[in-house]
Amino acid sequence: MIGLAVIGAGYWGPNLVRNAQATPALHLRWLCDLNEARARSVLGPYSTVQVSTCYEQILADPAVDAVAIATPAVTHFDLVRAALEAGKHVLVEKPLTCSYADGAKLVQAAQRAGLVLMCDHTFCYTPAAMKIRELIHAGEIGELCFFDSVRINLGLIQPDVGVLWDLAPHDAAILDFILPADVRPVAVTAHGADPLGTGRACVAYLSVWLSSGVLAHVHVNWLSPTKIRTVVIGGSRRTIVWNDLKPDQRLAIYDRGVDQAADPDERRQALISYRLGDVLVPALPEREALGAVMADFAAAITDGRAPQTDGHSGLRVLAVLEAAARSLAHGGTRIDIEGITS
């Protein structure tokens, strides 16, 4: 079994603890948090898992093969680097780090050490996201025409990052996961607002240009009294609607859309017809995606392979986020991603 330590017992850490204990290939040995009482409350009074307030103590334990990090984003670089230098495999909560340059350093360090570096892009492990990826890569929806995501709710307002770095990593990761291999983001614009005067954007809108000419759009918001988790992906043949708050119909595939005339002259004259077909609702298993994350992390360590959401996927997400942050800081200026990654 793989000896595991979880660092961070706050919002996400307890979920990591629970799923680690439910993963046969993992043996949870430590839970680390600056608040010892909080860590012990997560584990319960009868747990044999050890508690520490010092991550150096955990990294020095030879029985620990891997660590899962669920701490504020500003701490990720130092914690992940220390774990890699100690010879531990690492699973880190999104985002990988707070900058592309730091993320690249971690990816290189993991490669040099021959260690697994994995990003916890949990939504990429949901049955819905996997089905969407399957449909797009198999050409079932035709050519990708648009990607539109809405991720809004009331809170939690983070003390260290704006809504862009808190919620948009999910959508950037989903986009990265489902895109065809020959399509990639090339530029980003972002607009945001801080109506509460918190000093950081609480509402943000991202436009992401893809190499295929398609425009992807993401809306994230901490201030909506209504929670919405919807992704609409339009293709030349079919359109996919993913409503993550609708358990009885998380995914719907619409055979509806616009048929353009084949003749270029007729296209210029906007001669189109509308196609109204059936709606397919595929049967999807109901399972906790984080359990699949933990299983993939363990299998990647055991098999010596890259996990589905490895450090490189984390870097691609960081490139979009950093470009968006720069655009936001410059009033919505278009930022080329090549300028971030070169």
C-alpha atoms as a PDB file:
ATOM      1  CA  MET A   1       0.000   0.000   0.000  1.00  0.00           C
ATOM      2  CA  ILE A   2       1.063   3.569  -0.688  1.00  0.00           C
ATOM      3  CA  GLY A   3       1.694   5.558   2.469  1.00  0.00           C
ATOM      4  CA  LEU A   4      -0.152   8.884   2.169  1.00  0.00           C
ATOM      5  CA  ALA A   5      -0.191  12.112   4.149  1.00  0.00           C
ATOM      6  CA  VAL A   6      -2.828  14.831   3.694  1.00  0.00           C
ATOM      7  CA  ILE A   7      -1.667  18.395   4.309  1.00  0.00           C
ATOM      8  CA  GLY A   8      -4.536  20.750   5.101  1.00  0.00           C
ATOM      9  CA  ALA A   9      -7.670  19.986   7.140  1.00  0.00           C
ATOM     10  CA  GLY A  10      -9.749  22.971   6.079  1.00  0.00           C
ATOM     11  CA  TYR A  11     -12.495  23.055   3.436  1.00  0.00           C
ATOM     12  CA  TRP A  12     -11.197  20.392   1.024  1.00  0.00           C
ATOM     13  CA  GLY A  13      -8.861  18.375   3.242  1.00  0.00           C
ATOM     14  CA  PRO A  14     -11.613  16.335   4.957  1.00  0.00           C
ATOM     15  CA  ASN A  15     -12.831  15.176   1.532  1.00  0.00           C
ATOM     16  CA  LEU A  16      -9.309  14.028   0.669  1.00  0.00           C
ATOM     17  CA  VAL A  17      -9.089  12.179   3.991  1.00  0.00           C
ATOM     18  CA  ARG A  18     -12.409  10.410   3.455  1.00  0.00           C
ATOM     19  CA  ASN A  19     -11.625   9.323  -0.088  1.00  0.00           C
ATOM     20  CA  ALA A  20      -8.065   8.297   0.754  1.00  0.00           C
ATOM     21  CA  GLN A  21      -9.398   6.006   3.461  1.00  0.00           C
ATOM     22  CA  ALA A  22     -11.828   4.510   0.934  1.00  0.00           C
ATOM     23  CA  THR A  23      -9.086   3.818  -1.651  1.00  0.00           C
ATOM     24  CA  PRO A  24      -7.650   0.292  -1.169  1.00  0.00           C
ATOM     25  CA  ALA A  25      -4.245   1.153  -2.625  1.00  0.00           C
ATOM     26  CA  LEU A  26      -3.680   4.021  -0.170  1.00  0.00           C
ATOM     27  CA  HIS A  27      -2.809   3.913   3.511  1.00  0.00           C
ATOM     28  CA  LEU A  28      -3.475   7.261   5.182  1.00  0.00           C
ATOM     29  CA  ARG A  29      -0.748   7.744   7.791  1.00  0.00           C
ATOM     30  CA  TRP A  30      -0.785  11.478   8.596  1.00  0.00           C
ATOM     31  CA  LEU A  31      -3.045  14.508   8.589  1.00  0.00           C
ATOM     32  CA  CYS A  32      -1.191  17.810   8.906  1.00  0.00           C
ATOM     33  CA  ASP A  33      -2.716  21.174   9.759  1.00  0.00           C
ATOM     34  CA  LEU A  34      -1.590  24.241  11.677  1.00  0.00           C
ATOM     35  CA  ASN A  35      -4.731  23.793  13.787  1.00  0.00           C
ATOM     36  CA  GLU A  36      -4.206  20.482  15.557  1.00  0.00           C
ATOM     37  CA  ALA A  37      -7.674  20.435  17.097  1.00  0.00           C
ATOM     38  CA  ARG A  38      -9.268  20.853  13.679  1.00  0.00           C
ATOM     39  CA  ALA A  39      -7.220  17.983  12.258  1.00  0.00           C
ATOM     40  CA  ARG A  40      -8.206  15.701  15.151  1.00  0.00           C
ATOM     41  CA  SER A  41     -11.868  16.604  14.711  1.00  0.00           C
ATOM     42  CA  VAL A  42     -11.658  15.585  11.054  1.00  0.00           C
ATOM     43  CA  LEU A  43     -10.237  12.182  11.959  1.00  0.00           C
ATOM     44  CA  GLY A  44     -12.483  11.473  14.941  1.00  0.00           C
ATOM     45  CA  PRO A  45     -11.538  10.120  18.384  1.00  0.00           C
ATOM     46  CA  TYR A  46     -10.750   6.540  17.344  1.00  0.00           C
ATOM     47  CA  SER A  47      -8.529   7.111  14.350  1.00  0.00           C
ATOM     48  CA  THR A  48      -5.065   5.585  14.125  1.00  0.00           C
ATOM     49  CA  VAL A  49      -3.951   8.284  11.674  1.00  0.00           C
ATOM     50  CA  GLN A  50      -1.264  10.498  13.193  1.00  0.00           C
ATOM     51  CA  VAL A  51      -1.686  14.268  13.457  1.00  0.00           C
ATOM     52  CA  SER A  52       1.017  16.889  13.058  1.00  0.00           C
ATOM     53  CA  THR A  53       1.246  20.667  12.774  1.00  0.00           C
ATOM     54  CA  CYS A  54       4.651  20.418  11.046  1.00  0.00           C
ATOM     55  CA  TYR A  55       4.822  19.318   7.414  1.00  0.00           C
ATOM     56  CA  GLU A  56       8.602  18.793   7.694  1.00  0.00           C
ATOM     57  CA  GLN A  57       7.894  16.006  10.190  1.00  0.00           C
ATOM     58  CA  ILE A  58       5.638  14.290   7.686  1.00  0.00           C
ATOM     59  CA  LEU A  59       8.090  14.627   4.810  1.00  0.00           C
ATOM     60  CA  ALA A  60      10.820  13.077   6.956  1.00  0.00           C
ATOM     61  CA  ASP A  61       8.771   9.919   7.531  1.00  0.00           C
ATOM     62  CA  PRO A  62      10.043   7.139   5.206  1.00  0.00           C
ATOM     63  CA  ALA A  63       6.642   5.418   5.467  1.00  0.00           C
ATOM     64  CA  VAL A  64       5.083   8.327   3.575  1.00  0.00           C
ATOM     65  CA  ASP A  65       5.325   7.759  -0.172  1.00  0.00           C
ATOM     66  CA  ALA A  66       2.968  10.505  -1.298  1.00  0.00           C
ATOM     67  CA  VAL A  67       1.253  13.652  -0.082  1.00  0.00           C
ATOM     68  CA  ALA A  68      -2.062  15.275  -0.973  1.00  0.00           C
ATOM     69  CA  ILE A  69      -2.028  19.046  -0.482  1.00  0.00           C
ATOM     70  CA  ALA A  70      -5.190  21.046   0.256  1.00  0.00           C
ATOM     71  CA  THR A  71      -3.900  24.393   1.471  1.00  0.00           C
ATOM     72  CA  PRO A  72      -4.282  27.981   0.187  1.00  0.00           C
ATOM     73  CA  ALA A  73      -2.934  28.482  -3.331  1.00  0.00           C
ATOM     74  CA  VAL A  74      -0.166  30.837  -2.173  1.00  0.00           C
ATOM     75  CA  THR A  75       1.395  27.965  -0.211  1.00  0.00           C
ATOM     76  CA  HIS A  76       1.353  25.412  -3.025  1.00  0.00           C
ATOM     77  CA  PHE A  77       4.741  26.190  -4.571  1.00  0.00           C
ATOM     78  CA  ASP A  78       6.765  25.831  -1.357  1.00  0.00           C
ATOM     79  CA  LEU A  79       4.861  22.768  -0.133  1.00  0.00           C
ATOM     80  CA  VAL A  80       4.960  20.907  -3.454  1.00  0.00           C
ATOM     81  CA  ARG A  81       8.643  21.721  -3.980  1.00  0.00           C
ATOM     82  CA  ALA A  82       9.524  20.501  -0.475  1.00  0.00           C
ATOM     83  CA  ALA A  83       7.568  17.280  -1.007  1.00  0.00           C
ATOM     84  CA  LEU A  84       9.254  16.583  -4.352  1.00  0.00           C
ATOM     85  CA  GLU A  85      12.676  17.287  -2.858  1.00  0.00           C
ATOM     86  CA  ALA A  86      11.819  14.778  -0.119  1.00  0.00           C
ATOM     87  CA  GLY A  87      11.071  12.155  -2.780  1.00  0.00           C
ATOM     88  CA  LYS A  88       7.284  12.151  -2.359  1.00  0.00           C
ATOM     89  CA  HIS A  89       4.659  11.895  -5.081  1.00  0.00           C
ATOM     90  CA  VAL A  90       2.261  14.844  -4.954  1.00  0.00           C
ATOM     91  CA  LEU A  91      -1.442  15.447  -5.506  1.00  0.00           C
ATOM     92  CA  VAL A  92      -2.201  19.162  -5.173  1.00  0.00           C
ATOM     93  CA  GLU A  93      -5.494  21.022  -5.082  1.00  0.00           C
ATOM     94  CA  LYS A  94      -6.224  23.481  -7.907  1.00  0.00           C
ATOM     95  CA  PRO A  95      -4.574  25.661  -9.013  1.00  0.00           C
ATOM     96  CA  LEU A  96      -1.138  24.062  -9.261  1.00  0.00           C
ATOM     97  CA  THR A  97       0.525  27.323  -8.161  1.00  0.00           C
ATOM     98  CA  CYS A  98      -0.169  31.058  -8.421  1.00  0.00           C
ATOM     99  CA  SER A  99       1.991  31.580 -11.526  1.00  0.00           C
ATOM    100  CA  TYR A 100       2.902  29.726 -14.699  1.00  0.00           C
ATOM    101  CA  ALA A 101       6.634  30.183 -14.061  1.00  0.00           C
ATOM    102  CA  ASP A 102       6.419  28.532 -10.636  1.00  0.00           C
ATOM    103  CA  GLY A 103       4.232  25.748 -12.012  1.00  0.00           C
ATOM    104  CA  ALA A 104       6.791  25.023 -14.726  1.00  0.00           C
ATOM    105  CA  LYS A 105       9.516  24.712 -12.075  1.00  0.00           C
ATOM    106  CA  LEU A 106       7.474  22.115 -10.200  1.00  0.00           C
ATOM    107  CA  VAL A 107       6.713  20.100 -13.336  1.00  0.00           C
ATOM    108  CA  GLN A 108      10.416  20.060 -14.221  1.00  0.00           C
ATOM    109  CA  ALA A 109      11.356  19.058 -10.667  1.00  0.00           C
ATOM    110  CA  ALA A 110       8.900  16.145 -10.726  1.00  0.00           C
ATOM    111  CA  GLN A 111      10.234  14.984 -14.085  1.00  0.00           C
ATOM    112  CA  ARG A 112      13.840  15.103 -12.890  1.00  0.00           C
ATOM    113  CA  ALA A 113      12.951  13.101  -9.786  1.00  0.00           C
ATOM    114  CA  GLY A 114      10.755  10.610 -11.628  1.00  0.00           C
ATOM    115  CA  LEU A 115       7.821  11.415  -9.342  1.00  0.00           C
ATOM    116  CA  VAL A 116       4.099  11.774 -10.012  1.00  0.00           C
ATOM    117  CA  LEU A 117       2.808  15.347  -9.864  1.00  0.00           C
ATOM    118  CA  MET A 118      -0.961  15.460 -10.202  1.00  0.00           C
ATOM    119  CA  CYS A 119      -3.499  18.297 -10.071  1.00  0.00           C
ATOM    120  CA  ASP A 120      -6.813  17.703  -8.362  1.00  0.00           C
ATOM    121  CA  HIS A 121      -8.994  18.814 -11.271  1.00  0.00           C
ATOM    122  CA  THR A 122     -11.912  16.920  -9.777  1.00  0.00           C
ATOM    123  CA  PHE A 123     -14.534  17.755 -12.401  1.00  0.00           C
ATOM    124  CA  CYS A 124     -12.457  16.012 -15.078  1.00  0.00           C
ATOM    125  CA  TYR A 125     -13.145  12.744 -13.235  1.00  0.00           C
ATOM    126  CA  THR A 126     -16.917  13.055 -13.243  1.00  0.00           C
ATOM    127  CA  PRO A 127     -18.832  10.599 -15.461  1.00  0.00           C
ATOM    128  CA  ALA A 128     -20.340  13.600 -17.283  1.00  0.00           C
ATOM    129  CA  ALA A 129     -16.969  15.115 -18.242  1.00  0.00           C
ATOM    130  CA  MET A 130     -15.642  11.738 -19.332  1.00  0.00           C
ATOM    131  CA  LYS A 131     -18.702  11.177 -21.521  1.00  0.00           C
ATOM    132  CA  ILE A 132     -18.363  14.646 -23.059  1.00  0.00           C
ATOM    133  CA  ARG A 133     -14.702  14.004 -23.863  1.00  0.00           C
ATOM    134  CA  GLU A 134     -15.626  10.659 -25.419  1.00  0.00           C
ATOM    135  CA  LEU A 135     -18.324  12.246 -27.613  1.00  0.00           C
ATOM    136  CA  ILE A 136     -16.109  15.114 -28.793  1.00  0.00           C
ATOM    137  CA  HIS A 137     -13.052  12.957 -29.515  1.00  0.00           C
ATOM    138  CA  ALA A 138     -15.200  10.452 -31.408  1.00  0.00           C
ATOM    139  CA  GLY A 139     -16.612  13.237 -33.588  1.00  0.00           C
ATOM    140  CA  GLU A 140     -20.174  12.630 -32.375  1.00  0.00           C
ATOM    141  CA  ILE A 141     -21.038  16.338 -32.126  1.00  0.00           C
ATOM    142  CA  GLY A 142     -19.155  17.336 -35.269  1.00  0.00           C
ATOM    143  CA  GLU A 143     -16.840  20.340 -35.284  1.00  0.00           C
ATOM    144  CA  LEU A 144     -16.735  22.294 -32.038  1.00  0.00           C
ATOM    145  CA  CYS A 145     -18.575  25.615 -32.485  1.00  0.00           C
ATOM    146  CA  PHE A 146     -18.742  27.092 -28.981  1.00  0.00           C
ATOM    147  CA  PHE A 147     -18.153  26.410 -25.279  1.00  0.00           C
ATOM    148  CA  ASP A 148     -20.183  28.307 -22.688  1.00  0.00           C
ATOM    149  CA  SER A 149     -19.897  27.740 -18.938  1.00  0.00           C
ATOM    150  CA  VAL A 150     -21.704  29.351 -15.997  1.00  0.00           C
ATOM    151  CA  ARG A 151     -20.403  28.646 -12.481  1.00  0.00           C
ATOM    152  CA  ILE A 152     -22.138  30.961 -10.027  1.00  0.00           C
ATOM    153  CA  ASN A 153     -23.264  30.783  -6.392  1.00  0.00           C
ATOM    154  CA  LEU A 154     -23.371  32.744  -3.137  1.00  0.00           C
ATOM    155  CA  GLY A 155     -19.855  32.570  -1.567  1.00  0.00           C
ATOM    156  CA  LEU A 156     -17.506  31.295  -0.339  1.00  0.00           C
ATOM    157  CA  ILE A 157     -15.589  34.577  -0.723  1.00  0.00           C
ATOM    158  CA  GLN A 158     -11.935  33.649  -0.404  1.00  0.00           C
ATOM    159  CA  PRO A 159      -9.555  35.767   1.691  1.00  0.00           C
ATOM    160  CA  ASP A 160      -6.497  35.321  -0.541  1.00  0.00           C
ATOM    161  CA  VAL A 161      -7.719  35.062  -4.157  1.00  0.00           C
ATOM    162  CA  GLY A 162     -10.471  36.497  -6.343  1.00  0.00           C
ATOM    163  CA  VAL A 163     -13.270  34.560  -7.974  1.00  0.00           C
ATOM    164  CA  LEU A 164     -11.141  34.125 -11.097  1.00  0.00           C
ATOM    165  CA  TRP A 165      -8.542  31.969  -9.321  1.00  0.00           C
ATOM    166  CA  ASP A 166     -11.137  30.279  -7.116  1.00  0.00           C
ATOM    167  CA  LEU A 167     -13.795  29.071  -9.579  1.00  0.00           C
ATOM    168  CA  ALA A 168     -12.415  29.484 -13.115  1.00  0.00           C
ATOM    169  CA  PRO A 169      -9.754  26.734 -12.693  1.00  0.00           C
ATOM    170  CA  HIS A 170     -12.603  24.208 -12.815  1.00  0.00           C
ATOM    171  CA  ASP A 171     -13.826  25.458 -16.186  1.00  0.00           C
ATOM    172  CA  ALA A 172     -10.326  25.891 -17.630  1.00  0.00           C
ATOM    173  CA  ALA A 173      -9.552  22.311 -16.598  1.00  0.00           C
ATOM    174  CA  ILE A 174     -12.776  20.975 -18.128  1.00  0.00           C
ATOM    175  CA  LEU A 175     -12.056  22.852 -21.363  1.00  0.00           C
ATOM    176  CA  ASP A 176      -8.509  21.476 -21.448  1.00  0.00           C
ATOM    177  CA  PHE A 177      -9.803  17.960 -20.780  1.00  0.00           C
ATOM    178  CA  ILE A 178     -12.512  17.801 -23.443  1.00  0.00           C
ATOM    179  CA  LEU A 179     -10.812  19.644 -26.320  1.00  0.00           C
ATOM    180  CA  PRO A 180      -9.585  17.641 -29.323  1.00  0.00           C
ATOM    181  CA  ALA A 181      -5.833  17.049 -29.259  1.00  0.00           C
ATOM    182  CA  ASP A 182      -5.191  19.515 -32.097  1.00  0.00           C
ATOM    183  CA  VAL A 183      -7.095  22.423 -30.479  1.00  0.00           C
ATOM    184  CA  ARG A 184      -5.695  24.664 -27.749  1.00  0.00           C
ATOM    185  CA  PRO A 185      -6.377  28.071 -26.172  1.00  0.00           C
ATOM    186  CA  VAL A 186      -4.404  30.877 -27.820  1.00  0.00           C
ATOM    187  CA  ALA A 187      -5.650  34.111 -26.203  1.00  0.00           C
ATOM    188  CA  VAL A 188      -7.791  35.358 -23.324  1.00  0.00           C
ATOM    189  CA  THR A 189      -9.703  38.457 -22.299  1.00  0.00           C
ATOM    190  CA  ALA A 190     -11.229  38.923 -18.864  1.00  0.00           C
ATOM    191  CA  HIS A 191     -13.514  41.474 -17.251  1.00  0.00           C
ATOM    192  CA  GLY A 192     -14.400  41.578 -13.582  1.00  0.00           C
ATOM    193  CA  ALA A 193     -16.092  43.606 -10.875  1.00  0.00           C
ATOM    194  CA  ASP A 194     -15.795  44.039  -7.113  1.00  0.00           C
ATOM    195  CA  PRO A 195     -19.163  45.466  -6.009  1.00  0.00           C
ATOM    196  CA  LEU A 196     -18.484  44.590  -2.354  1.00  0.00           C
ATOM    197  CA  GLY A 197     -15.177  46.449  -2.195  1.00  0.00           C
ATOM    198  CA  THR A 198     -13.221  43.363  -1.124  1.00  0.00           C
ATOM    199  CA  GLY A 199     -10.145  44.329  -3.107  1.00  0.00           C
ATOM    200  CA  ARG A 200     -10.554  41.409  -5.517  1.00  0.00           C
ATOM    201  CA  ALA A 201     -12.987  40.519  -8.296  1.00  0.00           C
ATOM    202  CA  CYS A 202     -16.153  38.785  -7.069  1.00  0.00           C
ATOM    203  CA  VAL A 203     -17.656  38.548 -10.570  1.00  0.00           C
ATOM    204  CA  ALA A 204     -15.666  37.725 -13.720  1.00  0.00           C
ATOM    205  CA  TYR A 205     -16.228  36.935 -17.389  1.00  0.00           C
ATOM    206  CA  LEU A 206     -13.580  35.160 -19.464  1.00  0.00           C
ATOM    207  CA  SER A 207     -13.413  34.842 -23.238  1.00  0.00           C
ATOM    208  CA  VAL A 208     -10.943  32.233 -24.492  1.00  0.00           C
ATOM    209  CA  TRP A 209      -9.997  32.081 -28.175  1.00  0.00           C
ATOM    210  CA  LEU A 210      -9.080  28.609 -29.418  1.00  0.00           C
ATOM    211  CA  SER A 211      -6.647  27.720 -32.182  1.00  0.00           C
ATOM    212  CA  SER A 212      -9.589  26.472 -34.281  1.00  0.00           C
ATOM    213  CA  GLY A 213     -11.154  29.949 -34.271  1.00  0.00           C
ATOM    214  CA  VAL A 214     -13.834  28.944 -31.758  1.00  0.00           C
ATOM    215  CA  LEU A 215     -14.647  31.226 -28.822  1.00  0.00           C
ATOM    216  CA  ALA A 216     -15.113  29.757 -25.330  1.00  0.00           C
ATOM    217  CA  HIS A 217     -16.825  31.779 -22.612  1.00  0.00           C
ATOM    218  CA  VAL A 218     -16.777  31.358 -18.821  1.00  0.00           C
ATOM    219  CA  HIS A 219     -18.835  33.260 -16.216  1.00  0.00           C
ATOM    220  CA  VAL A 220     -17.868  32.912 -12.542  1.00  0.00           C
ATOM    221  CA  ASN A 221     -19.571  34.711  -9.676  1.00  0.00           C
ATOM    222  CA  TRP A 222     -19.571  34.606  -5.857  1.00  0.00           C
ATOM    223  CA  LEU A 223     -22.602  36.855  -5.425  1.00  0.00           C
ATOM    224  CA  SER A 224     -25.476  34.990  -7.084  1.00  0.00           C
ATOM    225  CA  PRO A 225     -28.254  33.865  -4.711  1.00  0.00           C
ATOM    226  CA  THR A 226     -28.980  31.097  -7.206  1.00  0.00           C
ATOM    227  CA  LYS A 227     -26.439  28.336  -7.727  1.00  0.00           C
ATOM    228  CA  ILE A 228     -25.879  27.410 -11.382  1.00  0.00           C
ATOM    229  CA  ARG A 229     -23.433  24.834 -12.733  1.00  0.00           C
ATOM    230  CA  THR A 230     -24.078  24.570 -16.462  1.00  0.00           C
ATOM    231  CA  VAL A 231     -21.827  23.914 -19.451  1.00  0.00           C
ATOM    232  CA  VAL A 232     -23.165  24.112 -23.019  1.00  0.00           C
ATOM    233  CA  ILE A 233     -20.949  22.749 -25.794  1.00  0.00           C
ATOM    234  CA  GLY A 234     -22.156  23.333 -29.323  1.00  0.00           C
ATOM    235  CA  GLY A 235     -21.058  21.246 -32.277  1.00  0.00           C
ATOM    236  CA  SER A 236     -21.861  21.347 -35.971  1.00  0.00           C
ATOM    237  CA  ARG A 237     -23.989  18.212 -35.556  1.00  0.00           C
ATOM    238  CA  ARG A 238     -25.136  18.113 -31.925  1.00  0.00           C
ATOM    239  CA  THR A 239     -25.099  20.212 -28.753  1.00  0.00           C
ATOM    240  CA  ILE A 240     -24.293  18.948 -25.257  1.00  0.00           C
ATOM    241  CA  VAL A 241     -25.808  20.488 -22.124  1.00  0.00           C
ATOM    242  CA  TRP A 242     -24.230  19.541 -18.782  1.00  0.00           C
ATOM    243  CA  ASN A 243     -26.287  20.613 -15.771  1.00  0.00           C
ATOM    244  CA  ASP A 244     -24.364  19.389 -12.749  1.00  0.00           C
ATOM    245  CA  LEU A 245     -27.221  20.254 -10.381  1.00  0.00           C
ATOM    246  CA  LYS A 246     -29.703  17.982 -12.126  1.00  0.00           C
ATOM    247  CA  PRO A 247     -28.936  14.417 -10.985  1.00  0.00           C
ATOM    248  CA  ASP A 248     -31.711  12.842 -13.068  1.00  0.00           C
ATOM    249  CA  GLN A 249     -30.392  14.478 -16.269  1.00  0.00           C
ATOM    250  CA  ARG A 250     -26.864  15.737 -15.811  1.00  0.00           C
ATOM    251  CA  LEU A 251     -26.155  15.340 -19.510  1.00  0.00           C
ATOM    252  CA  ALA A 252     -28.444  15.944 -22.477  1.00  0.00           C
ATOM    253  CA  ILE A 253     -27.380  15.641 -26.124  1.00  0.00           C
ATOM    254  CA  TYR A 254     -29.509  17.681 -28.501  1.00  0.00           C
ATOM    255  CA  ASP A 255     -29.782  16.794 -32.167  1.00  0.00           C
ATOM    256  CA  ARG A 256     -30.719  20.408 -32.795  1.00  0.00           C
ATOM    257  CA  GLY A 257     -28.886  23.258 -34.411  1.00  0.00           C
ATOM    258  CA  VAL A 258     -28.296  25.295 -37.519  1.00  0.00           C
ATOM    259  CA  ASP A 259     -27.603  23.795 -40.940  1.00  0.00           C
ATOM    260  CA  GLN A 260     -25.654  26.151 -43.173  1.00  0.00           C
ATOM    261  CA  ALA A 261     -25.786  26.054 -46.929  1.00  0.00           C
ATOM    262  CA  ALA A 262     -22.866  24.231 -48.513  1.00  0.00           C
ATOM    263  CA  ASP A 263     -22.423  26.932 -51.162  1.00  0.00           C
ATOM    264  CA  PRO A 264     -20.205  29.840 -49.921  1.00  0.00           C
ATOM    265  CA  ASP A 265     -22.346  32.394 -51.758  1.00  0.00           C
ATOM    266  CA  GLU A 266     -25.463  31.149 -50.017  1.00  0.00           C
ATOM    267  CA  ARG A 267     -23.646  31.283 -46.661  1.00  0.00           C
ATOM    268  CA  ARG A 268     -22.830  34.945 -47.228  1.00  0.00           C
ATOM    269  CA  GLN A 269     -26.513  35.527 -47.818  1.00  0.00           C
ATOM    270  CA  ALA A 270     -27.225  33.836 -44.465  1.00  0.00           C
ATOM    271  CA  LEU A 271     -29.344  31.125 -46.035  1.00  0.00           C
ATOM    272  CA  ILE A 272     -29.665  28.667 -43.162  1.00  0.00           C
ATOM    273  CA  SER A 273     -32.139  26.099 -41.916  1.00  0.00           C
ATOM    274  CA  TYR A 274     -32.866  24.919 -38.406  1.00  0.00           C
ATOM    275  CA  ARG A 275     -32.651  21.266 -37.418  1.00  0.00           C
ATOM    276  CA  LEU A 276     -34.966  20.049 -34.648  1.00  0.00           C
ATOM    277  CA  GLY A 277     -34.213  16.458 -33.686  1.00  0.00           C
ATOM    278  CA  ASP A 278     -34.287  14.188 -30.667  1.00  0.00           C
ATOM    279  CA  VAL A 279     -32.761  14.702 -27.236  1.00  0.00           C
ATOM    280  CA  LEU A 280     -30.632  11.851 -25.881  1.00  0.00           C
ATOM    281  CA  VAL A 281     -30.056  11.519 -22.138  1.00  0.00           C
ATOM    282  CA  PRO A 282     -27.242   8.997 -21.600  1.00  0.00           C
ATOM    283  CA  ALA A 283     -27.252   6.881 -18.450  1.00  0.00           C
ATOM    284  CA  LEU A 284     -24.351   7.932 -16.242  1.00  0.00           C
ATOM    285  CA  PRO A 285     -23.166   6.242 -13.056  1.00  0.00           C
ATOM    286  CA  GLU A 286     -23.464   8.272  -9.850  1.00  0.00           C
ATOM    287  CA  ARG A 287     -20.123   8.230  -8.082  1.00  0.00           C
ATOM    288  CA  GLU A 288     -17.924  10.671  -6.214  1.00  0.00           C
ATOM    289  CA  ALA A 289     -15.356  12.065  -8.619  1.00  0.00           C
ATOM    290  CA  LEU A 290     -12.765  12.552  -5.887  1.00  0.00           C
ATOM    291  CA  GLY A 291     -12.684   8.805  -5.353  1.00  0.00           C
ATOM    292  CA  ALA A 292     -11.667   8.423  -9.004  1.00  0.00           C
ATOM    293  CA  VAL A 293      -9.005  11.117  -8.493  1.00  0.00           C
ATOM    294  CA  MET A 294      -7.493   9.170  -5.602  1.00  0.00           C
ATOM    295  CA  ALA A 295      -7.630   5.891  -7.530  1.00  0.00           C
ATOM    296  CA  ASP A 296      -5.868   7.446 -10.538  1.00  0.00           C
ATOM    297  CA  PHE A 297      -3.208   8.990  -8.280  1.00  0.00           C
ATOM    298  CA  ALA A 298      -2.500   5.610  -6.695  1.00  0.00           C
ATOM    299  CA  ALA A 299      -2.473   3.801 -10.059  1.00  0.00           C
ATOM    300  CA  ALA A 300      -0.109   6.379 -11.584  1.00  0.00           C
ATOM    301  CA  ILE A 301       2.352   5.810  -8.724  1.00  0.00           C
ATOM    302  CA  THR A 302       2.072   2.022  -8.921  1.00  0.00           C
ATOM    303  CA  ASP A 303       2.241   1.814 -12.721  1.00  0.00           C
ATOM    304  CA  GLY A 304       4.853   4.536 -13.193  1.00  0.00           C
ATOM    305  CA  ARG A 305       2.660   6.527 -15.574  1.00  0.00           C
ATOM    306  CA  ALA A 306       1.241  10.016 -15.844  1.00  0.00           C
ATOM    307  CA  PRO A 307      -2.191  10.548 -14.259  1.00  0.00           C
ATOM    308  CA  GLN A 308      -5.077  11.912 -16.292  1.00  0.00           C
ATOM    309  CA  THR A 309      -4.643  15.423 -14.845  1.00  0.00           C
ATOM    310  CA  ASP A 310      -0.873  15.588 -14.544  1.00  0.00           C
ATOM    311  CA  GLY A 311       1.368  18.581 -13.979  1.00  0.00           C
ATOM    312  CA  HIS A 312       1.259  19.515 -17.655  1.00  0.00           C
ATOM    313  CA  SER A 313      -2.527  19.815 -17.552  1.00  0.00           C
ATOM    314  CA  GLY A 314      -2.098  21.998 -14.479  1.00  0.00           C
ATOM    315  CA  LEU A 315       0.323  24.182 -16.456  1.00  0.00           C
ATOM    316  CA  ARG A 316      -2.118  24.582 -19.333  1.00  0.00           C
ATOM    317  CA  VAL A 317      -4.793  25.702 -16.884  1.00  0.00           C
ATOM    318  CA  LEU A 318      -2.329  28.123 -15.274  1.00  0.00           C
ATOM    319  CA  ALA A 319      -1.559  29.650 -18.665  1.00  0.00           C
ATOM    320  CA  VAL A 320      -5.247  30.498 -19.159  1.00  0.00           C
ATOM    321  CA  LEU A 321      -5.610  31.828 -15.601  1.00  0.00           C
ATOM    322  CA  GLU A 322      -2.503  33.980 -15.733  1.00  0.00           C
ATOM    323  CA  ALA A 323      -3.490  35.417 -19.109  1.00  0.00           C
ATOM    324  CA  ALA A 324      -6.945  36.159 -17.683  1.00  0.00           C
ATOM    325  CA  ALA A 325      -5.447  37.838 -14.616  1.00  0.00           C
ATOM    326  CA  ARG A 326      -3.237  40.039 -16.794  1.00  0.00           C
ATOM    327  CA  SER A 327      -6.193  40.953 -18.982  1.00  0.00           C
ATOM    328  CA  LEU A 328      -8.280  41.789 -15.924  1.00  0.00           C
ATOM    329  CA  ALA A 329      -5.509  44.023 -14.578  1.00  0.00           C
ATOM    330  CA  HIS A 330      -5.326  45.883 -17.911  1.00  0.00           C
ATOM    331  CA  GLY A 331      -9.019  46.555 -18.393  1.00  0.00           C
ATOM    332  CA  GLY A 332      -9.888  43.544 -20.538  1.00  0.00           C
ATOM    333  CA  THR A 333      -6.959  43.686 -22.982  1.00  0.00           C
ATOM    334  CA  ARG A 334      -6.533  40.571 -25.122  1.00  0.00           C
ATOM    335  CA  ILE A 335      -3.554  38.555 -23.834  1.00  0.00           C
ATOM    336  CA  ASP A 336      -1.854  35.937 -25.999  1.00  0.00           C
ATOM    337  CA  ILE A 337      -1.120  32.713 -24.117  1.00  0.00           C
ATOM    338  CA  GLU A 338       2.156  32.286 -25.995  1.00  0.00           C
ATOM    339  CA  GLY A 339       3.394  35.320 -24.101  1.00  0.00           C
ATOM    340  CA  ILE A 340       2.768  33.424 -20.848  1.00  0.00           C
ATOM    341  CA  THR A 341       4.292  30.092 -21.836  1.00  0.00           C
ATOM    342  CA  SER A 342       7.364  31.233 -23.767  1.00  0.00           C
END
